[in-house]
Amino acid sequence: MKINNEERVIAKGLNPPGPLLIVKRKLESIQGNNLRIIVSNQEAADELVAYFHQRSASAEIDRAGDDYHVVVDLSGFEDDG
């Protein structure tokens, strides 16, 4: 399910920390509070969820076939710079 005004980052095929590095760059220009990151493995999804939880953002993993969708609500996100 796609949320209105949801930004998407596709980082399939990358092992950690690749998806996290892409997401950190994307956060500099994101519009809105909803982000979906699509990755290929559980380790990358877990790393992203931990990153967002450490910064007071809500994040959860949604499995879709072979992919992992990390769905993030950025309304409480606190960037550490």
N, C-alpha and C. Protein backbone atom coordinates (compact mmCIF):
# COMPACT_ATOMS: atom_id res chain seq x y z
N MET A 1 0.83 -1.18 0.00
CA MET A 1 0.00 0.00 0.00
C MET A 1 0.88 1.25 0.00
N LYS A 2 0.59 2.15 -0.90
CA LYS A 2 1.36 3.38 -0.98
C LYS A 2 0.61 4.50 -0.27
N ILE A 3 1.31 5.20 0.58
CA ILE A 3 0.74 6.32 1.33
C ILE A 3 0.90 7.58 0.48
N ASN A 4 -0.10 8.47 0.55
CA ASN A 4 0.01 9.74 -0.18
C ASN A 4 1.26 10.49 0.24
N ASN A 5 1.90 11.11 -0.73
CA ASN A 5 3.13 11.88 -0.51
C ASN A 5 4.26 11.04 0.06
N GLU A 6 4.27 9.78 -0.26
CA GLU A 6 5.31 8.89 0.22
C GLU A 6 6.50 8.94 -0.75
N GLU A 7 7.67 9.20 -0.20
CA GLU A 7 8.90 9.16 -1.00
C GLU A 7 9.41 7.71 -0.99
N ARG A 8 9.99 7.29 -2.10
CA ARG A 8 10.53 5.93 -2.17
C ARG A 8 12.01 5.97 -2.49
N VAL A 9 12.72 5.06 -1.85
CA VAL A 9 14.14 4.84 -2.15
C VAL A 9 14.29 3.35 -2.45
N ILE A 10 14.79 3.04 -3.61
CA ILE A 10 15.02 1.64 -3.97
C ILE A 10 16.51 1.36 -3.84
N ALA A 11 16.84 0.49 -2.89
CA ALA A 11 18.24 0.17 -2.62
C ALA A 11 18.43 -1.35 -2.64
N LYS A 12 17.74 -2.00 -3.57
CA LYS A 12 17.83 -3.45 -3.68
C LYS A 12 19.20 -3.85 -4.22
N GLY A 13 19.64 -5.01 -3.75
CA GLY A 13 20.91 -5.55 -4.23
C GLY A 13 22.12 -5.05 -3.47
N LEU A 14 21.91 -4.19 -2.49
CA LEU A 14 23.02 -3.64 -1.72
C LEU A 14 23.06 -4.23 -0.31
N ASN A 15 24.25 -4.52 0.15
CA ASN A 15 24.43 -4.96 1.53
C ASN A 15 24.71 -3.76 2.40
N PRO A 16 24.46 -3.89 3.71
CA PRO A 16 24.79 -2.78 4.62
C PRO A 16 26.26 -2.42 4.51
N PRO A 17 26.62 -1.17 4.59
CA PRO A 17 25.81 0.00 4.90
C PRO A 17 25.27 0.74 3.67
N GLY A 18 25.31 0.12 2.49
CA GLY A 18 24.90 0.78 1.26
C GLY A 18 23.53 1.46 1.31
N PRO A 19 22.47 0.73 1.68
CA PRO A 19 21.16 1.38 1.73
C PRO A 19 21.11 2.56 2.71
N LEU A 20 21.76 2.44 3.85
CA LEU A 20 21.76 3.53 4.82
C LEU A 20 22.45 4.77 4.26
N LEU A 21 23.54 4.60 3.55
CA LEU A 21 24.24 5.74 2.96
C LEU A 21 23.37 6.44 1.92
N ILE A 22 22.64 5.67 1.13
CA ILE A 22 21.73 6.25 0.14
C ILE A 22 20.62 7.02 0.83
N VAL A 23 20.06 6.44 1.88
CA VAL A 23 18.96 7.08 2.61
C VAL A 23 19.43 8.37 3.27
N LYS A 24 20.61 8.37 3.85
CA LYS A 24 21.12 9.60 4.49
C LYS A 24 21.21 10.74 3.48
N ARG A 25 21.63 10.43 2.25
CA ARG A 25 21.67 11.46 1.20
C ARG A 25 20.28 11.92 0.82
N LYS A 26 19.35 10.99 0.74
CA LYS A 26 17.97 11.30 0.36
C LYS A 26 17.29 12.19 1.42
N LEU A 27 17.63 12.00 2.68
CA LEU A 27 17.01 12.76 3.75
C LEU A 27 17.28 14.26 3.64
N GLU A 28 18.34 14.63 2.94
CA GLU A 28 18.68 16.04 2.77
C GLU A 28 17.66 16.77 1.89
N SER A 29 16.92 16.02 1.07
CA SER A 29 16.01 16.67 0.11
C SER A 29 14.58 16.15 0.18
N ILE A 30 14.27 15.35 1.15
CA ILE A 30 12.94 14.73 1.20
C ILE A 30 11.84 15.75 1.47
N GLN A 31 10.72 15.54 0.81
CA GLN A 31 9.53 16.35 1.02
C GLN A 31 8.51 15.47 1.75
N GLY A 32 7.95 15.95 2.83
CA GLY A 32 6.93 15.18 3.54
C GLY A 32 7.50 14.33 4.65
N ASN A 33 6.61 13.55 5.27
CA ASN A 33 6.98 12.75 6.44
C ASN A 33 6.97 11.26 6.21
N ASN A 34 6.66 10.80 5.01
CA ASN A 34 6.54 9.37 4.76
C ASN A 34 7.62 8.90 3.79
N LEU A 35 8.31 7.84 4.20
CA LEU A 35 9.41 7.31 3.41
C LEU A 35 9.30 5.80 3.36
N ARG A 36 9.50 5.23 2.19
CA ARG A 36 9.55 3.78 2.02
C ARG A 36 10.87 3.43 1.36
N ILE A 37 11.65 2.57 2.02
CA ILE A 37 12.93 2.14 1.49
C ILE A 37 12.81 0.65 1.16
N ILE A 38 13.13 0.29 -0.07
CA ILE A 38 13.02 -1.10 -0.51
C ILE A 38 14.42 -1.69 -0.60
N VAL A 39 14.64 -2.76 0.18
CA VAL A 39 15.94 -3.42 0.21
C VAL A 39 15.76 -4.91 -0.03
N SER A 40 16.86 -5.61 -0.25
CA SER A 40 16.83 -7.02 -0.61
C SER A 40 17.07 -7.98 0.54
N ASN A 41 17.53 -7.48 1.68
CA ASN A 41 17.86 -8.42 2.75
C ASN A 41 17.48 -7.89 4.13
N GLN A 42 17.29 -8.82 5.04
CA GLN A 42 16.86 -8.51 6.41
C GLN A 42 17.88 -7.65 7.13
N GLU A 43 19.17 -7.89 6.92
CA GLU A 43 20.22 -7.12 7.61
C GLU A 43 20.13 -5.64 7.27
N ALA A 44 19.94 -5.33 6.00
CA ALA A 44 19.82 -3.93 5.59
C ALA A 44 18.56 -3.31 6.18
N ALA A 45 17.46 -4.05 6.18
CA ALA A 45 16.21 -3.54 6.76
C ALA A 45 16.38 -3.28 8.26
N ASP A 46 17.00 -4.22 8.97
CA ASP A 46 17.21 -4.05 10.41
C ASP A 46 18.09 -2.84 10.72
N GLU A 47 19.13 -2.63 9.91
CA GLU A 47 20.01 -1.48 10.12
C GLU A 47 19.25 -0.17 9.93
N LEU A 48 18.39 -0.10 8.93
CA LEU A 48 17.60 1.11 8.69
C LEU A 48 16.61 1.37 9.82
N VAL A 49 15.94 0.33 10.28
CA VAL A 49 14.98 0.49 11.39
C VAL A 49 15.71 0.99 12.63
N ALA A 50 16.86 0.42 12.94
CA ALA A 50 17.64 0.86 14.10
C ALA A 50 18.05 2.32 13.96
N TYR A 51 18.49 2.72 12.78
CA TYR A 51 18.89 4.11 12.53
C TYR A 51 17.74 5.07 12.82
N PHE A 52 16.56 4.76 12.30
CA PHE A 52 15.42 5.66 12.50
C PHE A 52 14.91 5.63 13.93
N HIS A 53 14.91 4.48 14.57
CA HIS A 53 14.47 4.42 15.97
C HIS A 53 15.41 5.23 16.87
N GLN A 54 16.71 5.20 16.59
CA GLN A 54 17.67 5.98 17.38
C GLN A 54 17.45 7.47 17.22
N ARG A 55 16.74 7.86 16.17
CA ARG A 55 16.49 9.28 15.90
C ARG A 55 15.02 9.64 16.06
N SER A 56 14.33 8.88 16.90
CA SER A 56 12.94 9.14 17.30
C SER A 56 11.93 9.11 16.17
N ALA A 57 12.20 8.36 15.12
CA ALA A 57 11.24 8.19 14.03
C ALA A 57 10.64 6.80 14.12
N SER A 58 9.40 6.68 13.72
CA SER A 58 8.72 5.40 13.68
C SER A 58 9.11 4.67 12.40
N ALA A 59 9.49 3.40 12.52
CA ALA A 59 9.88 2.60 11.35
C ALA A 59 9.49 1.15 11.56
N GLU A 60 9.02 0.53 10.50
CA GLU A 60 8.67 -0.88 10.58
C GLU A 60 9.00 -1.56 9.26
N ILE A 61 9.14 -2.88 9.31
CA ILE A 61 9.47 -3.66 8.13
C ILE A 61 8.22 -4.35 7.62
N ASP A 62 7.99 -4.23 6.31
CA ASP A 62 6.87 -4.88 5.64
C ASP A 62 7.47 -5.78 4.57
N ARG A 63 7.26 -7.06 4.66
CA ARG A 63 7.81 -8.01 3.68
C ARG A 63 6.89 -8.07 2.47
N ALA A 64 7.47 -7.92 1.29
CA ALA A 64 6.72 -7.99 0.03
C ALA A 64 7.47 -8.90 -0.93
N GLY A 65 7.06 -10.15 -1.01
CA GLY A 65 7.77 -11.12 -1.84
C GLY A 65 9.16 -11.34 -1.30
N ASP A 66 10.16 -11.16 -2.15
CA ASP A 66 11.56 -11.32 -1.72
C ASP A 66 12.15 -10.03 -1.17
N ASP A 67 11.39 -8.95 -1.24
CA ASP A 67 11.90 -7.64 -0.81
C ASP A 67 11.43 -7.29 0.59
N TYR A 68 12.18 -6.38 1.20
CA TYR A 68 11.84 -5.84 2.51
C TYR A 68 11.57 -4.35 2.32
N HIS A 69 10.39 -3.90 2.74
CA HIS A 69 10.03 -2.50 2.66
C HIS A 69 10.12 -1.92 4.06
N VAL A 70 10.98 -0.94 4.24
CA VAL A 70 11.09 -0.25 5.52
C VAL A 70 10.23 1.00 5.38
N VAL A 71 9.16 1.05 6.16
CA VAL A 71 8.19 2.14 6.09
C VAL A 71 8.46 3.06 7.28
N VAL A 72 8.72 4.33 6.99
CA VAL A 72 9.16 5.27 8.02
C VAL A 72 8.22 6.47 8.10
N ASP A 73 7.87 6.84 9.33
CA ASP A 73 7.15 8.08 9.59
C ASP A 73 8.18 9.05 10.16
N LEU A 74 8.52 10.06 9.40
CA LEU A 74 9.58 11.00 9.78
C LEU A 74 9.10 12.16 10.65
N SER A 75 7.84 12.16 11.06
CA SER A 75 7.31 13.32 11.80
C SER A 75 8.07 13.57 13.11
N GLY A 76 8.64 12.54 13.72
CA GLY A 76 9.40 12.74 14.95
C GLY A 76 10.91 12.67 14.76
N PHE A 77 11.35 12.62 13.51
CA PHE A 77 12.78 12.41 13.20
C PHE A 77 13.64 13.56 13.73
N GLU A 78 14.72 13.18 14.41
CA GLU A 78 15.69 14.15 14.93
C GLU A 78 17.04 13.83 14.33
N ASP A 79 17.45 14.62 13.36
CA ASP A 79 18.72 14.40 12.68
C ASP A 79 19.87 14.85 13.58
N ASP A 80 20.89 14.00 13.65
CA ASP A 80 22.04 14.33 14.50
C ASP A 80 23.14 15.04 13.71
N GLY A 81 22.80 15.40 12.46
CA GLY A 81 23.76 16.14 11.65
C GLY A 81 24.63 15.24 10.95
